[in-house]
């Protein structure tokens, strides 16, 4: 099902739901819907108050996470580079996803059955306000939920080389804004990928429809030291999710 078909189906279900409640649906068409895959910087700026913060000190804890590599993990990363470095510039989206991204994420292992947390690919996501609707599929989410994503913790956007390096940014930010609002939290982590390059992102909610975001330095996944850095950064995310879930359990 395409994003457009998914959008129409969601709108039809919304109209039916409101009709059952006796609520008029004339105003629904007045609220414009934006697909994540088509959101640009200009559109995002028109919908919310969002600014880029150029300070990078916020990444210090994330990027200085202590992680001890074993020989098997280092060999895995080295082999991953060797198998992909000659073709990564030519890969289409699914090529890069299947040959490089999925093996790396599987090695990190976000599958936590006991806490009902796992990875989701091409997962539907919808966030609605009285001014706009964000809708579409997120490339990758780590979330609570087994059958569907119920509480997103981390996003990765764009599994292909982009003609414009900034293309994945607004798409990722719209997904992260949706997650912050749906989760009723103030912070969300993510990353976007353009070919071999990875950038990590932190989004912070400052007020009503007001946000700031931070973008990390670029990590080149075809260089072993930088791929090790990417792997450690993902392990930090996994560890943070475990700590968040543990804290949630203690507060219940």
Protein backbone atom coordinates (compact mmCIF):
# COMPACT_ATOMS: atom_id res chain seq x y z
CA UNK A 1 0.00 0.00 0.00
CA UNK A 2 1.43 3.37 -1.02
CA UNK A 3 1.61 6.37 1.32
CA UNK A 4 -1.23 8.03 -0.61
CA UNK A 5 -3.45 4.94 -0.30
CA UNK A 6 -2.58 4.63 3.38
CA UNK A 7 -3.44 8.29 3.90
CA UNK A 8 -6.83 7.97 2.18
CA UNK A 9 -7.66 4.86 4.20
CA UNK A 10 -6.77 6.62 7.48
CA UNK A 11 -8.91 9.62 6.53
CA UNK A 12 -11.86 7.39 5.68
CA UNK A 13 -11.56 5.55 9.00
CA UNK A 14 -11.33 8.89 10.82
CA UNK A 15 -14.50 10.16 9.12
CA UNK A 16 -16.35 6.94 9.95
CA UNK A 17 -15.20 7.11 13.56
CA UNK A 18 -16.34 10.72 13.93
CA UNK A 19 -19.63 9.98 12.22
CA UNK A 20 -20.36 7.22 14.72
CA UNK A 21 -19.79 9.78 17.47
CA UNK A 22 -22.15 12.24 15.83
CA UNK A 23 -19.39 14.70 14.98
CA UNK A 24 -19.57 16.59 11.69
CA UNK A 25 -16.66 15.91 9.35
CA UNK A 26 -16.79 18.96 7.11
CA UNK A 27 -13.76 20.50 8.82
CA UNK A 28 -11.54 17.48 8.25
CA UNK A 29 -10.81 18.50 4.66
CA UNK A 30 -9.66 21.90 5.92
CA UNK A 31 -6.79 20.31 7.84
CA UNK A 32 -3.96 19.72 5.39
CA UNK A 33 -2.09 16.42 5.53
CA UNK A 34 1.65 16.14 4.90
CA UNK A 35 3.37 12.88 4.05
CA UNK A 36 6.69 12.41 5.84
CA UNK A 37 8.38 11.52 2.56
CA UNK A 38 7.45 14.89 1.05
CA UNK A 39 8.10 17.25 3.95
CA UNK A 40 10.70 19.94 3.24
CA UNK A 41 12.44 22.49 5.46
CA UNK A 42 10.09 25.17 4.13
CA UNK A 43 6.96 23.20 4.96
CA UNK A 44 8.22 22.32 8.44
CA UNK A 45 9.06 25.97 9.18
CA UNK A 46 5.55 27.00 8.16
CA UNK A 47 3.90 24.46 10.48
CA UNK A 48 5.99 24.69 13.66
CA UNK A 49 8.56 26.92 15.33
CA UNK A 50 11.76 24.92 14.93
CA UNK A 51 15.38 26.03 14.99
CA UNK A 52 18.71 24.30 14.54
CA UNK A 53 21.11 24.62 17.46
CA UNK A 54 24.70 24.39 16.26
CA UNK A 55 26.24 23.45 19.61
CA UNK A 56 27.43 19.85 19.80
CA UNK A 57 28.25 19.52 23.47
CA UNK A 58 24.87 17.80 23.85
CA UNK A 59 26.32 14.74 22.07
CA UNK A 60 29.19 14.24 24.55
CA UNK A 61 27.45 11.68 26.76
CA UNK A 62 26.08 9.88 23.73
CA UNK A 63 29.32 9.67 21.80
CA UNK A 64 31.51 8.89 24.82
CA UNK A 65 29.55 5.82 25.86
CA UNK A 66 31.91 3.14 27.15
CA UNK A 67 31.61 -0.03 25.14
CA UNK A 68 34.04 -2.93 25.00
CA UNK A 69 34.43 -4.59 21.60
CA UNK A 70 35.20 -8.28 21.31
CA UNK A 71 37.11 -9.75 18.37
CA UNK A 72 33.97 -11.15 16.73
CA UNK A 73 32.28 -7.75 16.69
CA UNK A 74 35.31 -6.03 15.15
CA UNK A 75 35.54 -8.77 12.50
CA UNK A 76 31.82 -8.37 11.78
CA UNK A 77 32.23 -4.63 11.17
CA UNK A 78 35.35 -5.12 9.05
CA UNK A 79 33.61 -7.74 6.93
CA UNK A 80 30.58 -5.46 6.55
CA UNK A 81 32.78 -2.74 5.06
CA UNK A 82 34.65 -5.17 2.81
CA UNK A 83 31.41 -6.57 1.35
CA UNK A 84 29.82 -3.19 0.69
CA UNK A 85 32.42 -0.48 0.08
CA UNK A 86 32.69 -1.00 -3.69
CA UNK A 87 28.92 -0.89 -4.27
CA UNK A 88 27.55 1.46 -1.63
CA UNK A 89 27.52 4.44 -4.02
CA UNK A 90 25.43 2.43 -6.51
CA UNK A 91 23.01 0.82 -4.06
CA UNK A 92 19.32 1.56 -4.35
CA UNK A 93 17.30 1.97 -1.16
CA UNK A 94 16.52 -1.71 -0.65
CA UNK A 95 20.09 -2.75 -1.57
CA UNK A 96 21.57 -0.55 1.14
CA UNK A 97 18.90 -1.53 3.61
CA UNK A 98 19.28 -5.30 3.14
CA UNK A 99 23.05 -5.48 2.64
CA UNK A 100 24.27 -2.98 5.19
CA UNK A 101 21.71 -1.34 7.49
CA UNK A 102 19.74 -4.40 8.56
CA UNK A 103 22.80 -6.56 9.38
CA UNK A 104 24.25 -3.71 11.47
CA UNK A 105 21.01 -3.10 13.38
CA UNK A 106 20.48 -6.83 13.86
CA UNK A 107 23.97 -7.07 15.36
CA UNK A 108 23.14 -4.27 17.83
CA UNK A 109 19.97 -6.26 18.63
CA UNK A 110 17.08 -4.04 19.69
CA UNK A 111 14.83 -7.09 20.19
CA UNK A 112 13.76 -7.14 23.85
CA UNK A 113 10.88 -9.61 24.13
CA UNK A 114 10.52 -9.31 27.91
CA UNK A 115 9.91 -5.56 27.66
CA UNK A 116 7.99 -5.84 24.36
CA UNK A 117 10.42 -3.66 22.42
CA UNK A 118 11.70 -4.29 18.90
CA UNK A 119 12.69 -2.72 15.59
CA UNK A 120 10.07 -1.76 13.00
CA UNK A 121 10.66 -1.06 9.31
CA UNK A 122 8.31 1.04 7.15
CA UNK A 123 6.00 1.51 10.13
CA UNK A 124 2.85 3.69 9.74
CA UNK A 125 2.92 6.83 11.88
CA UNK A 126 0.22 9.48 12.26
CA UNK A 127 0.18 12.73 14.25
CA UNK A 128 -2.81 15.06 14.05
CA UNK A 129 -3.29 18.60 15.33
CA UNK A 130 -6.04 21.14 14.70
CA UNK A 131 -3.75 22.76 12.09
CA UNK A 132 -2.08 19.88 10.23
CA UNK A 133 -1.59 16.12 10.01
CA UNK A 134 1.72 14.28 9.65
CA UNK A 135 1.24 10.89 8.06
CA UNK A 136 3.20 8.16 6.32
CA UNK A 137 5.71 5.43 7.04
CA UNK A 138 8.87 5.78 9.10
CA UNK A 139 11.85 3.94 7.59
CA UNK A 140 12.98 2.54 10.95
CA UNK A 141 11.78 2.83 14.53
CA UNK A 142 12.82 1.21 17.81
CA UNK A 143 9.59 1.14 19.77
CA UNK A 144 7.58 -0.50 22.50
CA UNK A 145 5.07 -2.89 20.98
CA UNK A 146 5.21 -6.26 19.26
CA UNK A 147 2.56 -6.11 16.51
CA UNK A 148 2.81 -2.36 15.96
CA UNK A 149 4.88 0.55 17.26
CA UNK A 150 3.17 2.01 20.33
CA UNK A 151 5.87 4.18 21.90
CA UNK A 152 8.80 5.15 19.63
CA UNK A 153 12.22 5.63 21.23
CA UNK A 154 14.54 6.07 18.24
CA UNK A 155 14.28 6.76 14.50
CA UNK A 156 16.48 6.27 11.45
CA UNK A 157 15.48 8.00 8.22
CA UNK A 158 16.57 7.44 4.64
CA UNK A 159 18.34 4.29 3.52
CA UNK A 160 19.74 5.62 0.24
CA UNK A 161 22.10 8.15 -1.20
CA UNK A 162 20.25 11.44 -1.56
CA UNK A 163 20.76 14.01 -4.29
CA UNK A 164 20.42 16.72 -1.67
CA UNK A 165 22.15 15.93 1.65
CA UNK A 166 19.49 17.86 3.61
CA UNK A 167 16.54 15.88 2.19
CA UNK A 168 16.27 13.39 5.08
CA UNK A 169 16.45 16.09 7.78
CA UNK A 170 12.92 17.54 7.66
CA UNK A 171 11.43 14.07 7.15
CA UNK A 172 13.21 12.75 10.24
CA UNK A 173 12.36 15.86 12.28
CA UNK A 174 8.66 15.55 11.42
CA UNK A 175 8.72 11.93 12.59
CA UNK A 176 10.53 12.88 15.80
CA UNK A 177 8.10 15.74 16.48
CA UNK A 178 5.22 13.30 16.02
CA UNK A 179 6.81 10.85 18.48
CA UNK A 180 7.54 13.54 21.10
CA UNK A 181 3.91 14.69 20.99
CA UNK A 182 2.39 11.20 20.91
CA UNK A 183 4.64 10.01 23.75
CA UNK A 184 4.08 13.26 25.69
CA UNK A 185 7.86 13.61 26.19
CA UNK A 186 10.30 16.43 25.49
CA UNK A 187 13.28 14.67 23.87
CA UNK A 188 13.77 12.24 21.01
CA UNK A 189 16.86 10.74 19.34
CA UNK A 190 17.32 9.74 15.74
CA UNK A 191 19.70 9.51 12.80
CA UNK A 192 19.61 10.03 9.06
CA UNK A 193 21.66 8.22 6.45
CA UNK A 194 22.80 9.41 3.03
CA UNK A 195 24.77 6.66 1.36
CA UNK A 196 27.71 5.76 3.59
CA UNK A 197 27.26 8.84 5.81
CA UNK A 198 25.44 8.86 9.14
CA UNK A 199 24.37 11.90 11.18
CA UNK A 200 22.77 11.60 14.60
CA UNK A 201 20.04 13.98 15.74
CA UNK A 202 18.53 15.15 19.02
CA UNK A 203 15.17 16.93 19.08
CA UNK A 204 13.99 18.92 22.10
CA UNK A 205 10.52 20.34 22.70
CA UNK A 206 10.70 23.89 24.10
CA UNK A 207 7.00 24.80 24.18
CA UNK A 208 3.76 24.47 22.26
CA UNK A 209 4.75 23.72 18.63
CA UNK A 210 8.25 25.00 19.47
CA UNK A 211 11.36 22.84 19.07
CA UNK A 212 15.11 22.88 18.62
CA UNK A 213 17.31 20.20 17.13
CA UNK A 214 20.99 19.30 17.07
CA UNK A 215 22.86 17.46 14.30
CA UNK A 216 26.08 15.60 14.99
CA UNK A 217 29.25 15.42 12.97
CA UNK A 218 29.16 13.03 10.02
CA UNK A 219 30.27 9.43 10.51
CA UNK A 220 31.55 7.63 7.39
CA UNK A 221 30.43 4.01 7.75
CA UNK A 222 33.05 2.80 5.25
CA UNK A 223 35.88 3.71 7.66
CA UNK A 224 36.35 1.13 10.40
CA UNK A 225 36.97 3.60 13.26
CA UNK A 226 33.89 5.63 12.32
CA UNK A 227 31.75 2.52 11.82
CA UNK A 228 32.80 1.43 15.30
CA UNK A 229 31.63 4.86 16.49
CA UNK A 230 28.24 4.35 14.81
CA UNK A 231 27.94 0.94 16.41
CA UNK A 232 28.77 2.34 19.86
CA UNK A 233 26.25 5.16 19.38
CA UNK A 234 23.54 2.61 18.60
CA UNK A 235 24.54 0.57 21.64
CA UNK A 236 24.13 3.73 23.73
CA UNK A 237 20.58 4.10 22.40
CA UNK A 238 19.84 0.48 23.29
CA UNK A 239 21.24 0.95 26.79
CA UNK A 240 19.26 4.18 27.27
CA UNK A 241 16.03 2.45 26.26
CA UNK A 242 16.72 -0.33 28.77
CA UNK A 243 17.27 2.29 31.50
CA UNK A 244 14.11 4.18 30.52
CA UNK A 245 12.02 1.02 30.68
CA UNK A 246 13.54 0.09 34.04
CA UNK A 247 12.70 3.56 35.40
CA UNK A 248 9.14 3.33 34.07
CA UNK A 249 8.67 0.03 35.89
CA UNK A 250 9.97 1.49 39.15
CA UNK A 251 7.58 4.44 38.92
CA UNK A 252 4.52 2.20 38.53
